[in-house]
Protein backbone atom coordinates (compact mmCIF):
# COMPACT_ATOMS: atom_id res chain seq x y z
CA MET A 1 137.25 70.07 74.80
CA MET A 2 135.76 73.45 73.51
CA VAL A 3 136.56 74.08 69.66
CA GLY A 4 136.28 76.97 67.28
CA MET A 5 134.19 79.43 68.63
CA THR A 6 132.90 78.57 72.22
CA ALA A 7 137.11 78.44 72.69
CA ASP A 8 137.21 82.08 71.49
CA LEU A 9 133.94 83.31 73.20
CA PHE A 10 135.30 81.63 76.68
CA ALA A 11 138.26 82.99 75.47
CA THR A 12 137.05 86.47 74.90
CA HIS A 13 134.61 86.91 77.94
CA SER A 14 136.83 85.61 80.71
CA ASP A 15 138.29 88.40 81.89
CA LYS A 16 134.89 89.32 82.45
CA LEU A 17 133.92 86.20 84.00
CA ASP A 18 137.11 86.19 86.19
CA ALA A 19 136.19 90.25 87.54
CA ALA A 20 132.46 88.39 88.80
CA LEU A 21 133.95 85.71 90.16
CA THR A 22 136.00 88.07 92.51
CA ALA A 23 133.73 90.52 92.99
CA ILE A 24 130.67 87.67 94.09
CA ARG A 25 133.46 86.42 96.24
CA GLU A 26 134.70 89.98 98.00
CA ARG A 27 130.73 91.08 97.95
CA GLY A 28 131.98 95.40 97.06
CA TYR A 29 130.95 97.12 94.45
CA TRP A 30 131.67 96.39 90.40
CA SER A 31 129.65 96.24 87.42
CA ALA A 32 129.61 95.44 83.88
CA TYR A 33 127.45 97.25 82.59
CA PRO A 34 127.32 101.20 82.11
CA GLU A 35 124.13 102.10 83.75
CA SER A 36 123.77 105.48 82.47
CA PRO A 37 122.09 106.60 78.82
CA SER A 38 124.38 109.46 78.40
CA PRO A 39 125.40 110.60 74.96
CA ARG A 40 128.95 110.83 76.09
CA VAL A 41 128.78 107.40 77.20
CA TRP A 42 126.84 105.38 74.02
CA GLY A 43 127.01 107.75 71.21
CA GLU A 44 125.00 110.50 69.60
CA THR A 45 122.87 108.96 68.33
CA ALA A 46 122.02 106.01 70.65
CA ALA A 47 118.89 106.59 71.68
CA ALA A 48 117.26 107.70 68.97
CA ASP A 49 118.55 104.03 66.74
CA GLY A 50 117.32 101.92 69.74
CA LYS A 51 113.91 103.85 70.15
CA ALA A 52 113.51 103.72 66.20
CA ALA A 53 114.76 99.79 66.57
CA PHE A 54 111.88 99.22 69.00
CA GLU A 55 108.70 101.21 66.78
CA ALA A 56 109.92 99.26 63.73
CA TYR A 57 108.18 96.13 65.83
CA HIS A 58 104.80 97.88 66.21
CA ASN A 59 101.96 97.05 64.40
CA GLY A 60 103.94 93.93 62.93
CA ASP A 61 105.00 90.12 63.52
CA PHE A 62 108.25 89.81 66.02
CA PRO A 63 110.76 88.54 63.97
CA LEU A 64 110.81 84.53 65.61
CA GLU A 65 110.15 81.84 63.28
CA GLY A 66 106.13 80.81 63.61
CA THR A 67 102.67 81.46 61.98
CA GLU A 68 100.15 81.28 64.37
CA ARG A 69 100.52 84.93 66.09
CA VAL A 70 99.33 86.58 69.54
CA ALA A 71 99.24 89.87 70.42
CA THR A 72 98.45 90.15 74.31
CA GLU A 73 100.31 93.99 75.47
CA THR A 74 98.65 96.90 76.72
CA SER A 75 101.39 99.77 77.73
CA PRO A 76 100.65 101.41 80.30
CA PHE A 77 101.70 104.94 78.70
CA GLY A 78 98.43 104.09 76.59
CA VAL A 79 100.87 103.66 72.75
CA ASP A 80 99.64 101.99 70.75
CA LEU A 81 102.17 98.15 70.91
CA GLY A 82 100.31 96.01 68.31
CA ILE A 83 102.98 93.54 67.78
CA ARG A 84 102.52 89.89 67.38
CA TYR A 85 104.47 86.84 68.29
CA PRO A 86 104.65 83.09 67.90
CA HIS A 87 102.80 80.76 69.52
CA LEU A 88 103.85 77.35 69.53
CA ASP A 89 101.64 74.56 71.32
CA VAL A 90 103.86 73.31 74.19
CA ASP A 91 104.15 69.86 72.84
CA THR A 92 106.09 71.58 69.51
CA LEU A 93 108.00 73.57 72.80
CA ILE A 94 109.18 70.52 74.31
CA SER A 95 110.35 68.32 71.79
CA ARG A 96 112.26 71.22 70.29
CA GLY A 97 113.88 71.58 73.70
CA GLN A 98 114.32 68.42 74.77
CA GLU A 99 116.16 67.50 70.65
CA ALA A 100 118.20 70.25 71.63
CA LEU A 101 119.66 69.13 75.38
CA PRO A 102 121.79 66.90 74.15
CA ALA A 103 124.84 68.48 72.32
CA TRP A 104 124.66 71.51 75.10
CA ARG A 105 124.87 68.83 78.22
CA ALA A 106 128.44 67.82 76.28
CA ALA A 107 129.49 71.60 76.29
CA THR A 108 131.89 71.68 78.93
CA PRO A 109 131.03 74.75 81.27
CA GLN A 110 133.40 77.09 80.19
CA ALA A 111 132.07 76.42 76.07
CA ARG A 112 128.77 77.28 77.59
CA ALA A 113 129.78 80.03 79.55
CA GLY A 114 131.32 81.34 76.56
CA VAL A 115 127.96 81.70 74.88
CA THR A 116 126.35 82.96 77.89
CA LEU A 117 127.71 85.55 77.99
CA GLU A 118 128.31 86.82 74.22
CA ILE A 119 124.59 86.57 74.78
CA LEU A 120 125.07 89.66 77.23
CA ASP A 121 127.39 91.03 75.52
CA ARG A 122 125.12 91.54 72.23
CA LEU A 123 121.84 92.13 74.87
CA ALA A 124 123.99 95.27 76.58
CA LYS A 125 124.36 96.50 72.35
CA ASN A 126 120.88 95.74 72.03
CA THR A 127 120.20 98.52 75.35
CA PHE A 128 118.48 100.81 73.96
CA GLU A 129 116.05 98.74 72.05
CA LEU A 130 115.56 96.62 75.60
CA ALA A 131 115.37 99.82 77.21
CA ASN A 132 112.26 101.16 75.53
CA ALA A 133 110.59 97.66 75.32
CA VAL A 134 110.69 97.17 79.13
CA GLN A 135 109.18 101.16 80.00
CA PHE A 136 106.40 100.20 76.84
CA THR A 137 104.90 97.56 78.54
CA THR A 138 105.93 98.35 82.11
CA GLY A 139 105.20 102.02 83.12
CA GLN A 140 108.92 102.52 84.18
CA ALA A 141 110.26 105.53 83.86
CA PHE A 142 112.98 105.60 81.22
CA VAL A 143 116.02 105.97 83.47
CA MET A 144 114.68 103.63 85.82
CA ALA A 145 113.60 101.41 82.30
CA PHE A 146 117.06 101.82 81.01
CA GLN A 147 118.94 100.87 84.44
CA ALA A 148 116.51 98.10 85.56
CA GLY A 149 115.86 96.88 83.00
CA THR A 150 119.20 96.88 81.03
CA ALA A 151 122.36 97.20 83.15
CA HIS A 152 121.09 96.06 86.53
CA ALA A 153 119.10 93.34 84.69
CA PHE A 154 122.71 92.26 83.16
CA ASP A 155 124.21 92.29 86.02
CA ARG A 156 122.75 89.79 88.09
CA ALA A 157 122.26 87.95 84.75
CA LEU A 158 126.35 87.58 84.96
CA GLU A 159 126.34 87.12 88.91
CA ALA A 160 124.10 84.07 88.45
CA VAL A 161 126.81 83.14 85.58
CA ALA A 162 128.98 83.28 87.93
CA TYR A 163 127.87 81.33 90.47
CA ALA A 164 126.91 78.70 88.22
CA TYR A 165 130.33 78.53 86.92
CA ALA A 166 132.42 78.27 89.98
CA GLU A 167 129.90 74.99 91.71
CA MET A 168 130.09 73.81 88.24
CA THR A 169 134.00 73.91 88.05
CA ARG A 170 133.84 73.51 91.91
CA HIS A 171 135.81 69.59 91.37
CA PRO A 172 137.66 68.89 88.49
CA ALA A 173 137.02 67.16 85.29
CA THR A 174 138.71 64.03 85.76
CA ALA A 175 141.09 62.77 89.03
CA GLU A 176 143.51 59.80 89.25
CA TRP A 177 142.49 57.47 92.40
CA GLU A 178 145.25 55.67 93.66
CA LYS A 179 144.82 53.03 97.55
CA PRO A 180 147.31 51.61 98.55
CA ALA A 181 146.51 47.72 98.80
CA GLY A 182 149.56 46.33 101.16
CA LYS A 183 151.99 44.76 99.60
CA GLY A 184 150.26 44.41 96.35
CA ASP A 185 149.86 46.25 93.60
CA PRO A 186 147.73 49.97 94.97
CA LEU A 187 144.94 49.80 93.01
CA ARG A 188 144.41 52.47 90.68
CA MET A 189 141.19 54.15 88.67
CA THR A 190 140.44 57.41 86.17
CA LYS A 191 137.20 59.08 87.65
CA THR A 192 135.17 61.89 85.25
CA PHE A 193 133.15 63.61 86.55
CA HIS A 194 130.19 65.18 83.86
CA VAL A 195 128.08 67.90 85.24
CA VAL A 196 124.50 66.89 83.99
CA PRO A 197 121.86 69.23 83.51
CA ARG A 198 118.41 68.74 85.16
CA GLY A 199 116.16 68.94 81.96
CA LEU A 200 113.58 71.50 80.66
CA ALA A 201 113.62 75.15 82.69
CA LEU A 202 111.09 76.82 82.43
CA VAL A 203 111.27 80.10 82.83
CA VAL A 204 107.16 82.71 83.84
CA GLY A 205 108.17 85.91 83.29
CA CYS A 206 106.12 89.09 85.08
CA ASN A 207 104.64 92.38 84.12
CA THR A 208 107.28 94.98 86.39
CA PHE A 209 110.52 93.77 85.81
CA PRO A 210 110.16 90.99 83.06
CA THR A 211 114.16 91.87 82.58
CA TRP A 212 115.15 91.91 85.82
CA ASN A 213 113.44 89.26 87.96
CA SER A 214 113.67 86.62 84.46
CA TYR A 215 117.70 86.87 83.39
CA PRO A 216 118.85 84.91 86.97
CA GLY A 217 116.72 81.45 86.58
CA LEU A 218 117.33 82.20 82.14
CA PHE A 219 121.67 82.71 82.33
CA ALA A 220 121.87 80.01 85.44
CA SER A 221 119.43 77.41 83.29
CA LEU A 222 121.02 77.89 80.64
CA VAL A 223 124.69 78.20 81.39
CA THR A 224 124.19 74.61 83.82
CA GLY A 225 123.55 73.14 80.64
CA ASN A 226 119.61 73.48 80.58
CA PRO A 227 117.60 74.04 77.65
CA VAL A 228 115.04 77.09 78.74
CA ILE A 229 111.14 77.95 77.58
CA VAL A 230 110.22 81.96 78.12
CA LYS A 231 107.00 82.39 78.60
CA PRO A 232 106.56 86.28 78.73
CA HIS A 233 104.07 87.83 81.14
CA PRO A 234 100.82 89.15 78.38
CA ARG A 235 101.52 92.25 79.09
CA ALA A 236 105.56 91.89 78.86
CA ILE A 237 106.43 90.78 75.99
CA ALA A 238 108.98 92.38 74.04
CA PRO A 239 111.43 92.47 76.24
CA LEU A 240 111.83 88.88 76.40
CA ALA A 241 111.15 88.65 72.69
CA ILE A 242 113.89 90.21 71.81
CA THR A 243 116.49 88.58 75.25
CA VAL A 244 115.20 85.58 73.43
CA ARG A 245 115.27 86.66 69.77
CA VAL A 246 119.73 87.15 70.25
CA ALA A 247 120.32 84.09 72.26
CA ARG A 248 118.75 82.12 69.41
CA GLU A 249 120.79 83.84 67.25
CA VAL A 250 124.41 83.79 69.34
CA LEU A 251 123.50 79.70 70.15
CA ALA A 252 122.80 79.29 65.84
CA GLU A 253 126.13 81.17 65.21
CA ALA A 254 128.22 79.28 67.77
CA GLY A 255 127.09 75.73 66.32
CA PHE A 256 124.13 74.69 69.40
CA ASP A 257 120.34 74.69 68.31
CA PRO A 258 118.93 78.05 68.73
CA ASN A 259 115.83 75.92 70.22
CA LEU A 260 117.83 76.18 73.32
CA VAL A 261 115.70 79.44 74.09
CA GLN A 262 112.11 79.47 73.29
CA LEU A 263 109.43 81.97 73.67
CA ALA A 264 106.47 80.91 74.36
CA PRO A 265 103.48 84.12 74.82
CA GLU A 266 100.13 82.42 75.51
CA ALA A 267 96.71 83.26 74.01
CA PRO A 268 94.13 84.51 75.53
CA GLY A 269 92.79 82.38 79.12
CA GLU A 270 95.38 79.79 77.89
CA LYS A 271 97.28 79.31 81.32
CA LEU A 272 100.06 78.34 79.51
CA ALA A 273 102.06 78.75 82.32
CA SER A 274 99.80 76.38 84.73
CA VAL A 275 100.28 73.16 81.73
CA LEU A 276 104.22 73.90 81.09
CA ALA A 277 104.70 73.79 84.53
CA THR A 278 103.61 70.56 85.43
CA ARG A 279 104.42 68.71 82.06
CA PRO A 280 106.89 65.99 82.89
CA GLU A 281 109.15 67.03 80.58
CA VAL A 282 109.73 70.58 82.72
CA LYS A 283 112.31 70.17 85.50
CA ILE A 284 112.97 73.92 86.24
CA VAL A 285 110.40 76.32 86.92
CA ASP A 286 110.94 80.14 87.62
CA PHE A 287 108.59 82.53 88.76
CA THR A 288 108.45 85.98 90.41
CA GLY A 289 104.68 87.51 91.02
CA SER A 290 101.78 86.98 93.08
CA THR A 291 101.86 84.56 95.89
CA GLU A 292 99.08 82.79 95.84
CA TYR A 293 99.76 81.34 92.26
CA GLY A 294 103.81 81.20 93.66
CA ASP A 295 102.81 78.88 96.41
CA TRP A 296 100.58 76.69 93.30
CA LEU A 297 103.74 76.12 91.55
CA GLU A 298 105.28 74.77 94.25
CA ALA A 299 102.41 72.95 95.18
CA ASN A 300 101.70 71.36 91.37
CA ALA A 301 105.00 71.06 89.90
CA THR A 302 106.31 68.29 91.74
CA GLN A 303 107.92 67.08 89.17
CA ALA A 304 110.60 70.39 88.53
CA VAL A 305 112.99 72.52 91.41
CA VAL A 306 110.92 75.27 91.47
CA TYR A 307 111.88 78.71 93.01
CA THR A 308 109.56 81.53 93.27
CA GLU A 309 109.83 84.81 93.86
CA LYS A 310 106.69 86.14 95.31
CA ALA A 311 104.87 88.98 97.13
CA GLY A 312 105.67 89.51 101.09
CA VAL A 313 104.76 92.99 103.43
CA ASN A 314 107.85 95.11 103.05
CA THR A 315 108.28 97.33 106.23
CA ILE A 316 110.34 100.56 108.17
CA ILE A 317 110.31 101.18 111.73
CA ILE A 318 110.72 104.15 113.02
CA ASP A 319 112.18 105.04 116.88
CA SER A 320 114.33 107.93 116.40
CA THR A 321 116.67 109.82 114.14
CA ASP A 322 119.74 112.57 114.00
CA ASP A 323 117.98 113.53 110.50
CA PHE A 324 114.67 113.88 110.61
CA ALA A 325 114.86 115.54 107.56
CA GLY A 326 117.32 113.28 105.46
CA MET A 327 114.64 109.62 106.61
CA CYS A 328 111.61 111.86 105.45
CA ARG A 329 113.41 112.26 101.99
CA ASN A 330 114.63 108.88 101.27
CA ILE A 331 111.01 106.99 102.96
CA ALA A 332 109.47 109.91 100.52
CA PHE A 333 111.48 108.59 97.79
CA THR A 334 111.34 104.62 98.15
CA LEU A 335 107.10 104.97 98.40
CA SER A 336 107.09 106.91 95.21
CA LEU A 337 109.46 104.90 92.91
CA TYR A 338 108.22 103.40 90.07
CA SER A 339 104.44 104.39 91.52
CA GLY A 340 105.48 101.47 94.47
CA GLN A 341 104.84 98.84 92.45
CA MET A 342 108.17 97.31 93.38
CA CYS A 343 108.40 93.55 95.15
CA THR A 344 110.70 95.94 97.37
CA THR A 345 108.99 98.62 98.54
CA SER A 346 107.86 99.57 102.12
CA GLN A 347 104.25 99.44 103.14
CA ASN A 348 104.00 99.29 106.38
CA ILE A 349 105.64 102.23 108.48
CA TYR A 350 105.78 101.17 112.25
CA ILE A 351 106.22 104.54 113.97
CA PRO A 352 105.34 105.02 118.40
CA ARG A 353 102.55 106.96 119.54
CA ASP A 354 104.15 109.01 121.75
CA GLY A 355 106.52 109.98 118.94
CA ILE A 356 109.89 109.67 118.13
CA SER A 357 113.59 111.55 119.26
CA THR A 358 114.82 113.55 116.81
CA PRO A 359 118.02 116.70 116.95
CA ASP A 360 115.43 119.09 117.38
CA GLY A 361 113.63 116.86 120.21
CA VAL A 362 110.35 114.91 120.10
CA LYS A 363 108.69 114.79 116.72
CA THR A 364 104.61 113.15 117.50
CA PHE A 365 103.50 111.10 115.56
CA ASP A 366 101.83 113.28 113.61
CA GLU A 367 104.71 115.55 112.80
CA VAL A 368 106.22 112.42 111.76
CA ALA A 369 103.42 111.57 109.37
CA ALA A 370 103.67 115.38 108.13
CA GLY A 371 107.29 114.66 107.63
CA ILE A 372 107.12 111.73 105.41
CA ALA A 373 103.77 113.04 103.33
CA GLY A 374 105.20 116.64 102.80
CA ALA A 375 108.04 114.56 101.44
CA THR A 376 106.52 112.65 99.25
CA ALA A 377 104.36 115.10 98.07
CA LYS A 378 107.70 117.56 97.04
CA LEU A 379 108.68 115.04 95.04
CA THR A 380 105.84 114.02 93.04
CA GLY A 381 104.20 117.14 93.34
CA ASP A 382 104.55 118.61 89.62
CA PRO A 383 103.59 116.64 86.89
CA ALA A 384 106.70 116.85 84.46
CA ARG A 385 109.00 115.85 87.52
CA ALA A 386 107.01 113.41 89.40
CA VAL A 387 106.63 110.80 86.21
CA GLU A 388 110.59 111.04 85.81
CA LEU A 389 110.26 108.85 89.03
CA ILE A 390 106.93 107.17 89.44
CA GLY A 391 105.83 106.67 85.97
CA ALA A 392 102.61 104.86 84.84
CA ILE A 393 100.09 102.30 86.67
CA VAL A 394 101.30 99.01 85.73
CA ASN A 395 97.32 97.37 85.19
CA ASP A 396 93.94 97.96 86.82
CA GLY A 397 94.10 95.91 89.67
CA VAL A 398 96.53 98.97 91.26
CA ILE A 399 93.72 101.09 90.55
CA GLY A 400 91.21 99.38 93.12
CA ARG A 401 93.35 98.89 95.86
CA LEU A 402 93.99 102.48 95.54
CA ASP A 403 90.09 103.28 95.27
CA LEU A 404 89.51 100.57 98.58
CA ALA A 405 92.91 102.06 100.28
CA ARG A 406 91.16 105.44 100.69
CA LYS A 407 88.80 104.12 102.65
CA VAL A 408 90.24 102.13 105.80
CA GLY A 409 92.21 105.03 107.58
CA GLU A 410 93.12 108.39 107.72
CA VAL A 411 94.51 110.11 104.99
CA VAL A 412 97.60 111.63 105.30
CA LEU A 413 98.73 111.92 101.24
CA ASP A 414 95.82 111.49 98.87
CA SER A 415 96.84 110.11 95.68
CA VAL A 416 96.11 111.99 92.35
CA ALA A 417 96.26 111.50 89.11
CA HIS A 418 98.82 113.66 86.84
CA THR A 419 98.57 113.87 83.07
CA HIS A 420 102.24 112.09 81.30
CA PRO A 421 103.07 115.44 79.56
CA ASP A 422 104.88 113.22 76.39
CA PHE A 423 101.75 110.24 76.92
CA PRO A 424 98.64 111.49 77.61
CA ASP A 425 96.81 108.51 77.09
CA ALA A 426 99.07 107.28 80.12
CA VAL A 427 97.85 106.18 83.65
CA VAL A 428 99.93 108.41 86.17
CA ARG A 429 98.76 108.17 90.25
CA THR A 430 100.93 110.04 92.93
CA PRO A 431 101.42 107.62 96.38
CA LEU A 432 98.84 106.99 98.34
CA ILE A 433 99.74 107.42 102.58
CA VAL A 434 97.26 106.63 104.98
CA LYS A 435 97.50 106.55 108.01
CA LEU A 436 96.18 103.77 110.52
CA ASP A 437 96.45 102.24 114.32
CA ALA A 438 98.18 98.86 115.46
CA ALA A 439 95.10 97.32 115.91
CA ASP A 440 94.75 97.92 112.18
CA GLU A 441 96.13 94.38 111.72
CA ASP A 442 94.11 92.62 109.44
CA THR A 443 93.56 96.19 106.86
CA TYR A 444 97.91 95.96 107.02
CA GLY A 445 98.48 92.37 107.94
CA THR A 446 98.21 91.82 104.02
CA GLU A 447 100.13 92.98 101.22
CA TRP A 448 99.12 95.92 99.05
CA PHE A 449 101.02 96.12 95.98
CA GLY A 450 100.74 99.88 94.19
CA PRO A 451 101.75 102.97 95.27
CA ILE A 452 100.39 102.61 98.83
CA SER A 453 102.35 103.13 102.47
CA PHE A 454 100.16 102.69 105.57
CA LEU A 455 102.37 105.05 108.88
CA ILE A 456 100.34 102.75 112.25
CA ALA A 457 100.71 104.06 116.03
CA THR A 458 101.78 101.58 117.61
CA GLY A 459 102.47 101.65 121.31
CA GLY A 460 106.28 101.95 121.61
CA THR A 461 109.07 100.74 119.42
CA THR A 462 109.11 97.62 121.16
CA GLU A 463 105.15 97.03 119.90
CA SER A 464 106.73 98.15 116.02
CA VAL A 465 109.25 95.37 116.67
CA ASP A 466 106.97 92.11 117.33
CA LEU A 467 104.35 93.60 115.10
CA PHE A 468 107.02 93.31 112.05
CA ALA A 469 108.04 89.50 113.21
CA LYS A 470 104.37 88.58 113.00
CA THR A 471 103.42 90.00 109.97
CA VAL A 472 106.67 88.75 108.23
CA GLU A 473 106.36 85.54 109.52
CA ALA A 474 102.62 85.66 108.15
CA LYS A 475 103.41 86.74 105.11
CA GLY A 476 106.42 87.24 103.99
CA ALA A 477 108.76 90.27 103.21
CA LEU A 478 111.74 90.80 100.60
CA THR A 479 113.67 94.71 102.28
CA ALA A 480 113.17 95.50 106.11
CA GLY A 481 114.15 99.18 107.50
CA VAL A 482 114.89 100.78 110.57
CA TYR A 483 115.76 104.20 111.76
CA SER A 484 117.22 104.63 115.19
CA THR A 485 119.46 106.31 116.90
CA ASP A 486 119.89 103.78 120.12
CA GLU A 487 122.34 100.53 119.09
CA ASP A 488 120.61 98.94 121.70
CA VAL A 489 117.35 99.37 119.24
CA LEU A 490 119.16 98.35 116.13
CA ARG A 491 120.52 95.61 118.06
CA VAL A 492 117.00 94.12 118.90
CA VAL A 493 116.06 94.78 115.06
CA GLU A 494 118.76 93.12 113.99
CA GLU A 495 117.91 89.94 115.75
CA ALA A 496 114.14 90.15 114.15
CA SER A 497 115.26 90.47 111.23
CA ILE A 498 117.51 86.75 111.03
CA GLU A 499 114.82 85.19 113.29
CA VAL A 500 112.32 85.95 110.19
CA GLY A 501 114.71 86.20 107.27
CA VAL A 502 114.39 89.22 105.96
CA HIS A 503 117.20 91.56 105.08
CA LEU A 504 117.95 94.65 106.95
CA SER A 505 118.80 98.13 105.71
CA ILE A 506 119.65 100.94 108.56
CA ASN A 507 119.22 104.41 109.08
CA LEU A 508 119.03 105.06 104.99
CA THR A 509 119.48 109.00 104.23
CA GLY A 510 121.40 109.55 101.34
CA GLY A 511 121.62 108.05 97.87
CA VAL A 512 120.87 103.92 99.04
CA PHE A 513 117.35 102.97 99.48
CA VAL A 514 115.51 100.18 100.81
CA ASN A 515 113.73 98.85 97.86
CA GLN A 516 117.29 99.03 95.40
CA SER A 517 119.35 96.01 95.69
CA ALA A 518 123.42 96.22 94.51
CA ALA A 519 124.58 92.90 92.48
CA TYR A 520 127.31 91.17 93.21
CA SER A 521 126.85 92.64 96.63
CA ASP A 522 123.40 92.29 98.12
CA PHE A 523 121.32 89.35 97.53
CA HIS A 524 117.73 89.77 96.94
CA ALA A 525 115.14 88.11 99.26
CA SER A 526 116.77 85.32 101.17
CA GLY A 527 114.58 81.96 100.31
CA ALA A 528 113.99 82.12 104.30
CA ASN A 529 110.49 83.57 104.76
CA ARG A 530 107.64 82.87 102.75
CA ALA A 531 108.61 85.97 100.04
CA ALA A 532 110.30 83.54 98.58
CA ASN A 533 111.77 80.30 97.90
CA SER A 534 115.36 81.24 96.73
CA ALA A 535 117.95 83.92 97.02
CA LEU A 536 119.28 86.06 93.58
CA THR A 537 121.92 85.51 94.16
CA ASP A 538 123.83 82.53 95.87
CA GLY A 539 125.50 79.29 95.35
CA ALA A 540 121.79 77.78 96.41
CA TYR A 541 120.10 79.22 93.58
CA VAL A 542 122.14 77.66 91.02
CA SER A 543 123.66 74.29 91.71
CA ASN A 544 120.73 72.44 91.55
CA ARG A 545 120.17 72.98 88.04
CA PHE A 546 122.64 69.72 87.34
CA ARG A 547 123.46 67.28 89.21
CA ILE A 548 127.79 65.58 89.18
CA VAL A 549 127.71 62.09 87.35
CA GLN A 550 130.41 60.12 87.25
CA SER A 551 131.81 57.18 85.35
CA ARG A 552 135.31 55.47 86.74
CA ARG A 553 137.60 52.67 85.30
CA HIS A 554 140.89 50.72 85.98
CA SER A 555 144.44 52.54 85.21
């Protein structure tokens, strides 16, 4: 039974949970959190207050318990953060988590749901503080950090809680069992079904989307009864540190051990994720990042259930269009958003050598290339406007890939450096677009993370589809797009996307883009190709984080 504060929390948030349960069942539009930073929504001082709250952490000790400290963040905007975070040894993290587990396991699904939803509610009250933390650790422009780093991340977390709650309550907590026994009295038993968590969970955060990518696993594990160790990326600790601080406060207020959620920043060279992920006490691992490390976790963290979202080669197939300008604008936005530093950004764009059909007649391959490049240049040409879309470059590896990509084919649109009007030390680069031929498979057949895209000349749409399927089969993908006015072509491409397990967007020309996904309606990743072994968020993502253990006795 729930008592005291936990009962109150579940009652407080039950309407929101019910709405989320309805949303994941109906798959229509719904959002629980405002995505606009407008003062009309938040009040006149909210933005300044949130910025000040984040800046108060700079060059100081973050308010979490611990004597030994580490500071490893470097802002892509060139801002000196200097935040020092507590560094605990592995044995301490694990023992504290294990000690916190029994009382949390004994709580009902309703109690745990109430607490986790209260954590989300408190985080939402700190939206501007959290948005600043995301912006200055990832290089995202502020509006994107606000939307993806807070509102959309909260929605993905709530979605995970809703799926987990549905799975945990699919069966009754108790049942009366009666079997006829001929002329004698029937056999009667009382059966109790316990939701039993797997054990300690580890969340390994990424640099680019520390909240959006970490929250589903964090909240799915926590609400199903598992203590969580949050190991942030060394360059993006602040957003998850704020998250952990708020979670611990709510847990303590609700009468639970705050060590149910712990922060585990690593010292330079420590390789803490690998150490924690392979400890026998760790039973769940969530990871977003490189294919190489995701593959390593899947192969080596054999004592745990491992959920990975890795990398892939995202593709657009252009066959024909009834809105050439709209297609070019849509693709340009996709290539430019956050400088292509999204796991869903399109890299390979297949275009027939002989051109495509449009309302203005056939556009040659070069004309299509010029249309996409021109739309991209228009979006990113003015530095003051561009930086609010493309943000800053997250690490030096992206710059190195840009330099290399210039040499692999004919440059249609070169990447240029912009000076950020507010942050002169920010590393800002516009997208690079390069022409290739279908024969250049060694180049476009692998991932080039960053603002790098290839326009690939093919022998026709049939070859484009074949290359798309071959590349995704080999390397995986999270997104695919197609432009065609021919329903037969759309059917063939959709069948190919189903075959290789990648989500498909068709003829996007308006305000929806292939590299975006909506919580409660769109699945992010499919778990059906190499780019990810799970989907955010579905029943499979949450149901293996716990088991049902029953007890029975004669009635």
